[in-house]
Amino acid sequence: MSEVRQLLAGLSADPVPKLRPVSGRGKASRRGLPAFLRDQISVANAEHAEGTHAPEGTRRDFLYIATAAVGGVGVALTLWPFISQMNPDASVLALAAIDVDIEPIAEGQSITVNWRGNPVFIRHRTPGEIEAARAVPLEELPDPWARNANLEEAAPATDENRVIEGKEQYLVQVGVCTHLGCVPIGESGDFSGWFCPCHGSHYDTAGRIRSGPAPENLAIPPYEYLTDTQIRVG
């Protein structure tokens, strides 16, 4: 009986260790715990301490920025095929400039070529057509400007400014009425030049508007002579 009392007294003297808070930190004491529990507590404490130093706002901002960046890349990849299709292909770029042999055009004849989707009239004018155009006073012209891409914008609409010097017999102009974009008929109208039947615009033998609703002379495109008988439009 005395041995039982001694055993009970020994157990009460060495109770099961309890976890005690560490002063000022609220962490549990690891004394008396198995080694694997002490390691887990150390890891948990380290992760907690690390988390307290990373503000929640910083993590949230990073997520927003990362999401927006990924979304932007996705949108760009989606739109790229459509943007690429908008670039002109080789056939369109090839028509940016065209070479025309004008030697076969007889005096008093005209040809029409296609440049950038628009008709271009090339006329071999007669001496009478040139003389008639040069006899018109500038003050009688509804549009006083040459509209010649090869000259300065303020160049007056004289017949000389509608052609290239030394090649006055060849008139090169865009065949689009400046009123609503119709194609005028050559060797027609009240001034024996071009006539737009859509709304009655009359152009003379220099392609200048003389009467009707068209506000401007027919445009002269950029062009140059490569040889005496070959021009490049564009």
C-alpha atoms as a PDB file:
ATOM      1  CA  MET A   1       0.000   0.000   0.000  1.00  0.00           C
ATOM      2  CA  SER A   2       2.840   2.329   0.792  1.00  0.00           C
ATOM      3  CA  GLU A   3       4.351   1.681  -2.655  1.00  0.00           C
ATOM      4  CA  VAL A   4       1.110   2.767  -4.365  1.00  0.00           C
ATOM      5  CA  ARG A   5       1.054   5.992  -2.351  1.00  0.00           C
ATOM      6  CA  GLN A   6       4.634   6.744  -3.333  1.00  0.00           C
ATOM      7  CA  LEU A   7       3.855   6.179  -7.028  1.00  0.00           C
ATOM      8  CA  LEU A   8       0.840   8.519  -6.917  1.00  0.00           C
ATOM      9  CA  ALA A   9       2.864  11.132  -5.121  1.00  0.00           C
ATOM     10  CA  GLY A  10       5.519  10.950  -7.815  1.00  0.00           C
ATOM     11  CA  LEU A  11       3.006  11.463 -10.621  1.00  0.00           C
ATOM     12  CA  SER A  12       1.456  14.465  -8.923  1.00  0.00           C
ATOM     13  CA  ALA A  13       4.906  15.942  -8.460  1.00  0.00           C
ATOM     14  CA  ASP A  14       5.694  15.660 -12.227  1.00  0.00           C
ATOM     15  CA  PRO A  15       2.495  16.749 -14.043  1.00  0.00           C
ATOM     16  CA  VAL A  16       2.083  16.742 -17.844  1.00  0.00           C
ATOM     17  CA  PRO A  17       3.788  19.874 -19.215  1.00  0.00           C
ATOM     18  CA  LYS A  18       1.446  22.617 -20.272  1.00  0.00           C
ATOM     19  CA  LEU A  19       1.951  25.189 -23.063  1.00  0.00           C
ATOM     20  CA  ARG A  20       2.689  28.555 -21.565  1.00  0.00           C
ATOM     21  CA  PRO A  21       2.604  31.793 -23.447  1.00  0.00           C
ATOM     22  CA  VAL A  22       5.912  33.475 -24.072  1.00  0.00           C
ATOM     23  CA  SER A  23       5.985  36.823 -22.353  1.00  0.00           C
ATOM     24  CA  GLY A  24       4.890  39.679 -24.663  1.00  0.00           C
ATOM     25  CA  ARG A  25       4.519  37.549 -27.813  1.00  0.00           C
ATOM     26  CA  GLY A  26       1.623  35.182 -27.251  1.00  0.00           C
ATOM     27  CA  LYS A  27       3.647  32.231 -28.595  1.00  0.00           C
ATOM     28  CA  ALA A  28       3.432  28.843 -27.008  1.00  0.00           C
ATOM     29  CA  SER A  29       6.433  27.473 -25.060  1.00  0.00           C
ATOM     30  CA  ARG A  30       8.050  24.570 -26.847  1.00  0.00           C
ATOM     31  CA  ARG A  31       9.753  23.024 -23.819  1.00  0.00           C
ATOM     32  CA  GLY A  32       8.593  19.526 -23.165  1.00  0.00           C
ATOM     33  CA  LEU A  33       7.145  19.029 -26.689  1.00  0.00           C
ATOM     34  CA  PRO A  34       8.336  16.406 -29.165  1.00  0.00           C
ATOM     35  CA  ALA A  35      10.903  17.567 -31.695  1.00  0.00           C
ATOM     36  CA  PHE A  36       8.568  17.352 -34.715  1.00  0.00           C
ATOM     37  CA  LEU A  37       5.983  19.604 -32.970  1.00  0.00           C
ATOM     38  CA  ARG A  38       8.643  22.146 -32.099  1.00  0.00           C
ATOM     39  CA  ASP A  39       9.719  22.270 -35.782  1.00  0.00           C
ATOM     40  CA  GLN A  40       6.153  22.792 -36.977  1.00  0.00           C
ATOM     41  CA  ILE A  41       5.615  25.585 -34.468  1.00  0.00           C
ATOM     42  CA  SER A  42       8.820  27.281 -35.639  1.00  0.00           C
ATOM     43  CA  VAL A  43       7.708  27.152 -39.274  1.00  0.00           C
ATOM     44  CA  ALA A  44       4.228  28.468 -38.442  1.00  0.00           C
ATOM     45  CA  ASN A  45       5.678  31.329 -36.400  1.00  0.00           C
ATOM     46  CA  ALA A  46       8.042  32.261 -39.261  1.00  0.00           C
ATOM     47  CA  GLU A  47       5.234  32.255 -41.833  1.00  0.00           C
ATOM     48  CA  HIS A  48       3.046  34.361 -39.565  1.00  0.00           C
ATOM     49  CA  ALA A  49       5.801  36.881 -38.984  1.00  0.00           C
ATOM     50  CA  GLU A  50       6.521  37.058 -42.712  1.00  0.00           C
ATOM     51  CA  GLY A  51       2.843  37.635 -43.486  1.00  0.00           C
ATOM     52  CA  THR A  52       2.585  40.518 -41.039  1.00  0.00           C
ATOM     53  CA  HIS A  53       5.287  42.381 -42.987  1.00  0.00           C
ATOM     54  CA  ALA A  54       3.473  42.135 -46.391  1.00  0.00           C
ATOM     55  CA  PRO A  55       0.565  44.597 -46.462  1.00  0.00           C
ATOM     56  CA  GLU A  56      -2.638  43.192 -47.911  1.00  0.00           C
ATOM     57  CA  GLY A  57      -2.911  46.181 -50.255  1.00  0.00           C
ATOM     58  CA  THR A  58       0.474  45.426 -51.827  1.00  0.00           C
ATOM     59  CA  ARG A  59      -0.504  41.855 -52.631  1.00  0.00           C
ATOM     60  CA  ARG A  60      -3.853  42.991 -54.015  1.00  0.00           C
ATOM     61  CA  ASP A  61      -2.218  45.666 -56.210  1.00  0.00           C
ATOM     62  CA  PHE A  62       0.188  43.097 -57.592  1.00  0.00           C
ATOM     63  CA  LEU A  63      -2.698  40.795 -58.502  1.00  0.00           C
ATOM     64  CA  TYR A  64      -4.521  43.654 -60.250  1.00  0.00           C
ATOM     65  CA  ILE A  65      -1.426  44.630 -62.256  1.00  0.00           C
ATOM     66  CA  ALA A  66      -0.638  41.044 -63.216  1.00  0.00           C
ATOM     67  CA  THR A  67      -4.220  40.411 -64.315  1.00  0.00           C
ATOM     68  CA  ALA A  68      -4.326  43.609 -66.388  1.00  0.00           C
ATOM     69  CA  ALA A  69      -1.006  42.787 -68.050  1.00  0.00           C
ATOM     70  CA  VAL A  70      -2.124  39.303 -69.014  1.00  0.00           C
ATOM     71  CA  GLY A  71      -5.437  40.690 -70.296  1.00  0.00           C
ATOM     72  CA  GLY A  72      -3.653  43.345 -72.381  1.00  0.00           C
ATOM     73  CA  VAL A  73      -1.428  40.751 -74.022  1.00  0.00           C
ATOM     74  CA  GLY A  74      -4.480  38.634 -74.791  1.00  0.00           C
ATOM     75  CA  VAL A  75      -6.307  41.550 -76.420  1.00  0.00           C
ATOM     76  CA  ALA A  76      -3.259  42.469 -78.512  1.00  0.00           C
ATOM     77  CA  LEU A  77      -2.866  38.885 -79.745  1.00  0.00           C
ATOM     78  CA  THR A  78      -6.560  38.741 -80.611  1.00  0.00           C
ATOM     79  CA  LEU A  79      -6.550  42.034 -82.573  1.00  0.00           C
ATOM     80  CA  TRP A  80      -3.269  41.515 -84.415  1.00  0.00           C
ATOM     81  CA  PRO A  81      -4.717  39.402 -87.292  1.00  0.00           C
ATOM     82  CA  PHE A  82      -7.320  42.105 -87.972  1.00  0.00           C
ATOM     83  CA  ILE A  83      -4.724  44.910 -87.831  1.00  0.00           C
ATOM     84  CA  SER A  84      -2.424  42.961 -90.129  1.00  0.00           C
ATOM     85  CA  GLN A  85      -5.207  42.561 -92.700  1.00  0.00           C
ATOM     86  CA  MET A  86      -5.567  46.358 -92.877  1.00  0.00           C
ATOM     87  CA  ASN A  87      -2.047  46.771 -94.255  1.00  0.00           C
ATOM     88  CA  PRO A  88      -1.954  47.085 -98.052  1.00  0.00           C
ATOM     89  CA  ASP A  89      -0.817  43.968 -99.866  1.00  0.00           C
ATOM     90  CA  ALA A  90       1.841  43.864-102.551  1.00  0.00           C
ATOM     91  CA  SER A  91      -0.621  44.463-105.394  1.00  0.00           C
ATOM     92  CA  VAL A  92      -1.877  47.681-103.788  1.00  0.00           C
ATOM     93  CA  LEU A  93       1.640  48.936-103.116  1.00  0.00           C
ATOM     94  CA  ALA A  94       2.573  48.196-106.712  1.00  0.00           C
ATOM     95  CA  LEU A  95      -0.170  50.567-107.904  1.00  0.00           C
ATOM     96  CA  ALA A  96       1.204  53.421-105.810  1.00  0.00           C
ATOM     97  CA  ALA A  97       3.080  54.364-108.976  1.00  0.00           C
ATOM     98  CA  ILE A  98       2.403  53.297-112.549  1.00  0.00           C
ATOM     99  CA  ASP A  99       4.448  53.763-115.711  1.00  0.00           C
ATOM    100  CA  VAL A 100       2.586  54.714-118.865  1.00  0.00           C
ATOM    101  CA  ASP A 101       3.829  54.739-122.463  1.00  0.00           C
ATOM    102  CA  ILE A 102       2.252  57.807-124.085  1.00  0.00           C
ATOM    103  CA  GLU A 103       3.813  57.406-127.536  1.00  0.00           C
ATOM    104  CA  PRO A 104       0.783  55.515-128.987  1.00  0.00           C
ATOM    105  CA  ILE A 105      -1.597  58.371-128.031  1.00  0.00           C
ATOM    106  CA  ALA A 106      -2.275  60.272-131.239  1.00  0.00           C
ATOM    107  CA  GLU A 107      -2.996  63.999-131.270  1.00  0.00           C
ATOM    108  CA  GLY A 108      -6.599  64.613-130.282  1.00  0.00           C
ATOM    109  CA  GLN A 109      -6.905  61.234-128.516  1.00  0.00           C
ATOM    110  CA  SER A 110      -7.163  60.299-124.834  1.00  0.00           C
ATOM    111  CA  ILE A 111      -6.561  57.182-122.774  1.00  0.00           C
ATOM    112  CA  THR A 112      -7.653  56.280-119.264  1.00  0.00           C
ATOM    113  CA  VAL A 113      -5.398  54.398-116.837  1.00  0.00           C
ATOM    114  CA  ASN A 114      -6.093  53.222-113.301  1.00  0.00           C
ATOM    115  CA  TRP A 115      -4.055  54.691-110.452  1.00  0.00           C
ATOM    116  CA  ARG A 116      -4.840  54.012-106.792  1.00  0.00           C
ATOM    117  CA  GLY A 117      -8.360  52.976-107.705  1.00  0.00           C
ATOM    118  CA  ASN A 118      -9.112  56.163-109.644  1.00  0.00           C
ATOM    119  CA  PRO A 119      -9.243  56.820-113.400  1.00  0.00           C
ATOM    120  CA  VAL A 120      -6.517  59.082-114.758  1.00  0.00           C
ATOM    121  CA  PHE A 121      -7.136  60.848-118.059  1.00  0.00           C
ATOM    122  CA  ILE A 122      -4.117  61.345-120.326  1.00  0.00           C
ATOM    123  CA  ARG A 123      -4.943  63.517-123.337  1.00  0.00           C
ATOM    124  CA  HIS A 124      -2.769  64.475-126.279  1.00  0.00           C
ATOM    125  CA  ARG A 125      -4.164  67.928-126.886  1.00  0.00           C
ATOM    126  CA  THR A 126      -4.359  69.668-130.229  1.00  0.00           C
ATOM    127  CA  PRO A 127      -2.810  73.118-130.780  1.00  0.00           C
ATOM    128  CA  GLY A 128      -6.338  74.530-130.908  1.00  0.00           C
ATOM    129  CA  GLU A 129      -7.184  73.095-127.482  1.00  0.00           C
ATOM    130  CA  ILE A 130      -4.010  74.540-125.977  1.00  0.00           C
ATOM    131  CA  GLU A 131      -4.683  77.950-127.536  1.00  0.00           C
ATOM    132  CA  ALA A 132      -8.280  77.999-126.288  1.00  0.00           C
ATOM    133  CA  ALA A 133      -7.204  77.146-122.735  1.00  0.00           C
ATOM    134  CA  ARG A 134      -4.519  79.844-122.666  1.00  0.00           C
ATOM    135  CA  ALA A 135      -6.874  82.511-123.900  1.00  0.00           C
ATOM    136  CA  VAL A 136      -9.107  82.304-120.792  1.00  0.00           C
ATOM    137  CA  PRO A 137      -8.561  85.161-118.274  1.00  0.00           C
ATOM    138  CA  LEU A 138      -7.945  83.894-114.735  1.00  0.00           C
ATOM    139  CA  GLU A 139     -10.703  86.090-113.322  1.00  0.00           C
ATOM    140  CA  GLU A 140     -13.245  84.066-115.319  1.00  0.00           C
ATOM    141  CA  LEU A 141     -12.296  80.816-113.618  1.00  0.00           C
ATOM    142  CA  PRO A 142     -14.519  79.686-110.716  1.00  0.00           C
ATOM    143  CA  ASP A 143     -11.475  77.966-109.173  1.00  0.00           C
ATOM    144  CA  PRO A 144      -8.355  80.145-109.485  1.00  0.00           C
ATOM    145  CA  TRP A 145      -5.888  77.480-108.274  1.00  0.00           C
ATOM    146  CA  ALA A 146      -3.975  75.013-110.443  1.00  0.00           C
ATOM    147  CA  ARG A 147      -4.696  71.980-108.182  1.00  0.00           C
ATOM    148  CA  ASN A 148      -1.423  70.505-109.415  1.00  0.00           C
ATOM    149  CA  ALA A 149       0.328  68.135-106.995  1.00  0.00           C
ATOM    150  CA  ASN A 150       3.624  68.915-108.703  1.00  0.00           C
ATOM    151  CA  LEU A 151       3.429  72.636-107.862  1.00  0.00           C
ATOM    152  CA  GLU A 152       2.936  74.703-104.752  1.00  0.00           C
ATOM    153  CA  GLU A 153      -0.610  74.893-103.442  1.00  0.00           C
ATOM    154  CA  ALA A 154      -1.027  78.576-104.303  1.00  0.00           C
ATOM    155  CA  ALA A 155      -0.071  78.168-107.969  1.00  0.00           C
ATOM    156  CA  PRO A 156      -2.654  79.939-110.205  1.00  0.00           C
ATOM    157  CA  ALA A 157      -4.773  77.949-112.634  1.00  0.00           C
ATOM    158  CA  THR A 158      -3.050  78.997-115.840  1.00  0.00           C
ATOM    159  CA  ASP A 159      -2.841  76.426-118.602  1.00  0.00           C
ATOM    160  CA  GLU A 160       0.943  76.395-118.163  1.00  0.00           C
ATOM    161  CA  ASN A 161       0.510  75.346-114.521  1.00  0.00           C
ATOM    162  CA  ARG A 162      -1.729  72.434-115.488  1.00  0.00           C
ATOM    163  CA  VAL A 163       0.976  70.676-117.543  1.00  0.00           C
ATOM    164  CA  ILE A 164       4.728  70.115-117.503  1.00  0.00           C
ATOM    165  CA  GLU A 165       6.825  72.677-119.363  1.00  0.00           C
ATOM    166  CA  GLY A 166       7.958  71.432-122.742  1.00  0.00           C
ATOM    167  CA  LYS A 167       5.201  68.796-122.777  1.00  0.00           C
ATOM    168  CA  GLU A 168       2.222  71.131-122.935  1.00  0.00           C
ATOM    169  CA  GLN A 169       0.390  68.901-125.392  1.00  0.00           C
ATOM    170  CA  TYR A 170      -0.059  66.152-122.775  1.00  0.00           C
ATOM    171  CA  LEU A 171      -2.617  66.821-120.052  1.00  0.00           C
ATOM    172  CA  VAL A 172      -2.623  64.320-117.168  1.00  0.00           C
ATOM    173  CA  GLN A 173      -5.440  64.614-114.627  1.00  0.00           C
ATOM    174  CA  VAL A 174      -7.523  62.526-112.227  1.00  0.00           C
ATOM    175  CA  GLY A 175     -10.812  61.732-113.942  1.00  0.00           C
ATOM    176  CA  VAL A 176     -13.059  62.296-110.938  1.00  0.00           C
ATOM    177  CA  CYS A 177     -15.550  65.153-110.833  1.00  0.00           C
ATOM    178  CA  THR A 178     -14.858  67.394-107.853  1.00  0.00           C
ATOM    179  CA  HIS A 179     -18.549  67.723-107.109  1.00  0.00           C
ATOM    180  CA  LEU A 180     -19.678  64.226-106.066  1.00  0.00           C
ATOM    181  CA  GLY A 181     -16.985  61.967-107.508  1.00  0.00           C
ATOM    182  CA  CYS A 182     -18.548  60.961-110.830  1.00  0.00           C
ATOM    183  CA  VAL A 183     -16.429  60.276-113.929  1.00  0.00           C
ATOM    184  CA  PRO A 184     -16.757  63.070-116.525  1.00  0.00           C
ATOM    185  CA  ILE A 185     -17.120  62.411-120.254  1.00  0.00           C
ATOM    186  CA  GLY A 186     -14.262  63.628-122.454  1.00  0.00           C
ATOM    187  CA  GLU A 187     -14.542  65.941-125.468  1.00  0.00           C
ATOM    188  CA  SER A 188     -17.929  67.103-124.224  1.00  0.00           C
ATOM    189  CA  GLY A 189     -19.643  70.058-122.605  1.00  0.00           C
ATOM    190  CA  ASP A 190     -19.856  73.718-123.353  1.00  0.00           C
ATOM    191  CA  PHE A 191     -16.078  74.171-123.406  1.00  0.00           C
ATOM    192  CA  SER A 192     -15.093  71.083-125.473  1.00  0.00           C
ATOM    193  CA  GLY A 193     -13.261  69.597-122.524  1.00  0.00           C
ATOM    194  CA  TRP A 194     -15.028  67.309-120.058  1.00  0.00           C
ATOM    195  CA  PHE A 195     -18.636  67.161-118.966  1.00  0.00           C
ATOM    196  CA  CYS A 196     -20.127  65.468-115.891  1.00  0.00           C
ATOM    197  CA  PRO A 197     -23.727  64.504-116.720  1.00  0.00           C
ATOM    198  CA  CYS A 198     -24.600  63.742-113.104  1.00  0.00           C
ATOM    199  CA  HIS A 199     -25.155  67.379-112.145  1.00  0.00           C
ATOM    200  CA  GLY A 200     -23.951  69.343-115.148  1.00  0.00           C
ATOM    201  CA  SER A 201     -20.360  70.382-114.407  1.00  0.00           C
ATOM    202  CA  HIS A 202     -18.406  71.648-117.440  1.00  0.00           C
ATOM    203  CA  TYR A 203     -14.597  71.600-117.656  1.00  0.00           C
ATOM    204  CA  ASP A 204     -12.441  73.188-120.342  1.00  0.00           C
ATOM    205  CA  THR A 205      -9.549  71.753-122.360  1.00  0.00           C
ATOM    206  CA  ALA A 206      -7.211  72.321-119.398  1.00  0.00           C
ATOM    207  CA  GLY A 207      -9.529  70.412-117.047  1.00  0.00           C
ATOM    208  CA  ARG A 208     -10.610  73.564-115.214  1.00  0.00           C
ATOM    209  CA  ILE A 209     -14.172  73.959-113.952  1.00  0.00           C
ATOM    210  CA  ARG A 210     -16.017  76.600-115.957  1.00  0.00           C
ATOM    211  CA  SER A 211     -19.659  76.130-114.972  1.00  0.00           C
ATOM    212  CA  GLY A 212     -21.813  73.852-112.832  1.00  0.00           C
ATOM    213  CA  PRO A 213     -21.713  72.777-109.175  1.00  0.00           C
ATOM    214  CA  ALA A 214     -18.166  71.351-109.078  1.00  0.00           C
ATOM    215  CA  PRO A 215     -16.117  73.528-106.689  1.00  0.00           C
ATOM    216  CA  GLU A 216     -12.608  72.737-107.983  1.00  0.00           C
ATOM    217  CA  ASN A 217     -10.635  71.996-111.113  1.00  0.00           C
ATOM    218  CA  LEU A 218      -9.833  68.380-111.927  1.00  0.00           C
ATOM    219  CA  ALA A 219      -6.828  67.360-109.846  1.00  0.00           C
ATOM    220  CA  ILE A 220      -3.400  66.922-111.429  1.00  0.00           C
ATOM    221  CA  PRO A 221      -1.682  63.887-109.835  1.00  0.00           C
ATOM    222  CA  PRO A 222       2.027  63.728-109.052  1.00  0.00           C
ATOM    223  CA  TYR A 223       3.825  62.522-112.171  1.00  0.00           C
ATOM    224  CA  GLU A 224       7.110  62.845-114.013  1.00  0.00           C
ATOM    225  CA  TYR A 225       8.634  62.039-117.369  1.00  0.00           C
ATOM    226  CA  LEU A 226      10.991  59.077-117.342  1.00  0.00           C
ATOM    227  CA  THR A 227      11.694  59.506-121.050  1.00  0.00           C
ATOM    228  CA  ASP A 228      10.164  61.635-123.813  1.00  0.00           C
ATOM    229  CA  THR A 229       7.472  59.028-124.289  1.00  0.00           C
ATOM    230  CA  GLN A 230       7.050  57.473-120.850  1.00  0.00           C
ATOM    231  CA  ILE A 231       5.624  58.959-117.658  1.00  0.00           C
ATOM    232  CA  ARG A 232       5.362  57.700-114.090  1.00  0.00           C
ATOM    233  CA  VAL A 233       2.190  58.589-112.218  1.00  0.00           C
ATOM    234  CA  GLY A 234       2.517  58.549-108.449  1.00  0.00           C
END
